[in-house]
Amino acid sequence: MESAANNIEKKRIATVHEQQWKFSTPTLPKIIIKACSTAIVPLMIGTLTLILAYQQHYQGIQNRQTDLHIAKTQEQLENEKRQQDLHIAEAIQQDTVLNAYLEKVSQLLLSQQFNLSSNTLKSIIRPKTLTTIRQLDATRKTLLVKFLYESSLLMRHETVDSRCKSSDKQDVDLQDANLNGIIMGSQNIETERVNLFRISLSKVTLINSSFTFCFLNCANFERSILDGSSFRNSHLRDTNLIRTSLAYTDFTGATLSGSNLDLANLTGSNILDSQLVDVDSSDRTILPNGTIAHMYNLVHNGDARNCTLNHWSIYPVDSVKVVPASDNRIDGCRFQVISNRSDKIHMVQKINDEMMDNLINKGRQNFEVRFRIGGNTTGTQSWTDSFPIFLNVSERTSKEHFLEIAFSTRPSSYSINKMATFHQYSLITEYFMWNNDRSLELVVSFPNGTLFDNIELYLERDIILKDRYA
């Protein structure tokens, strides 16, 4: 019995233990849930706090950026207004300067009846003009230049071309003036060309200036800088462009017949061969591709550089000698007529037949012959009246003379040196036909006592321009 009671007690205890185990097992998820519930509330509060803090921070940044933008915009508006005020003030100042200049020069012109003296031009007009130009923009510089031109103070007066009427009035010397960007031309091709006939703008800077649709015949731009400028659809007949810088200049539709481009710089310009062949002279001109154009002197020993009379036949014999040059600008010697005869002395040179034939082979039968000579005419009559220079044309086989080609004399616009009476003359013929059964002989006749130092004979258009580009 005791044994059975013990078994019943053990079963009861086991049952109790089993019940306790069965009772504790379902409480574990509750514990976890309770722990999570306890932790998630502050986590959510913290997260919400962070979100609110970030939103406030972002809103602050936005507000600061808006404030900065408003401040920057306001500053920009103030700067623009300040710049506008400065521009207006500068424009008023430039207008005042220009008006004062126009008034002063107008008073001088009226008081001297538009005939200003040389001293007035040099001591008053020139310095006042250069000072005024330095204070003006391109638009007002244009007005100033037009005023001077229309007042006949910018007229080319030293001209030797009969097609360019000479002026007895002196012009204002604008040497070294900065006239960059002036607009003298017109963009409206339906109107008449802007008349700038014989305008003189030499030795000035005219970079990126416009002379579009202008009448510039007989104008003078010698030694000026016109890089990047425009002569589109303009007439530049008989215009002086000697030593002018014309790099990247627009010559579209321009007419250049009779103009002088000696030593000019045409680098990068759009000038055409058809325009270049019409110019009066293009010796040592820098062509658009950078090569240099040369006119080839057909005369040998034309400058007496070696102090000899080689290649020359003298009539009468010993009537011409060579003498050392008296100044430092010319090397070697000069020719001097020493005969006591009252009639003229002749220097004769036969032009090389092979050289002429070579030109014929290039298809160049039509020539304009140019002759240049530099000499001192002191004590003699003007060379234009006193002695003939001509070309003798004869048959090569029979030596029979059948044609004499005379030159028309045209003294050039520049001197060969500082001597007031030492001039360079340029003489031309009309076009003439050539063939390879002829010989050419240059005959130069001088009056007694003549001193000269350079004889040159050129066949203009002697080489096709495309060959010069080679």
Foldseek 3Di string as FASTA:
>chain_A
DVVVVVVVVVVVVVVVVVVVVVVPPVCVVVVVVVVCVVPVVVVVVVVVVVVVVVVVVVVVVVVVVVVVVVVVVVVVVVVVVVVVVVVVVLVVVLVVLLVVLLVVVVVVCVVVVLADDPCCLPVPVQVSLLVSLVSDDLASLLVVLVVQVVSVQFAQQQDQDPVADHDPGHHRDNAAHENEAHEQFDPDLVDATAESERGEDENYEHEQYERDRHEHENHEHHLYEHENYEPALYEHALYEQALYEHEQYECHNYAAAAYEQDNYEHAQYPDDLVRVLRYPYQAQYQHNPRFGDHFDFQDPCQQCQVQDLPQKDKVPPPQKGWDADPDDVRHHTWIAGADPDQFWIKIKGWGDLVLVVVLVVLVCFKWKKKKKWKWAQPPHDPPQPDWWKWKWKAFPPVRHTDDIWTWHKTWGSDAPDDDPRIGMIMTITHIDGDDSRMIMMIMTIDGHGMITGGIGMGTRPSDRVVVSVD
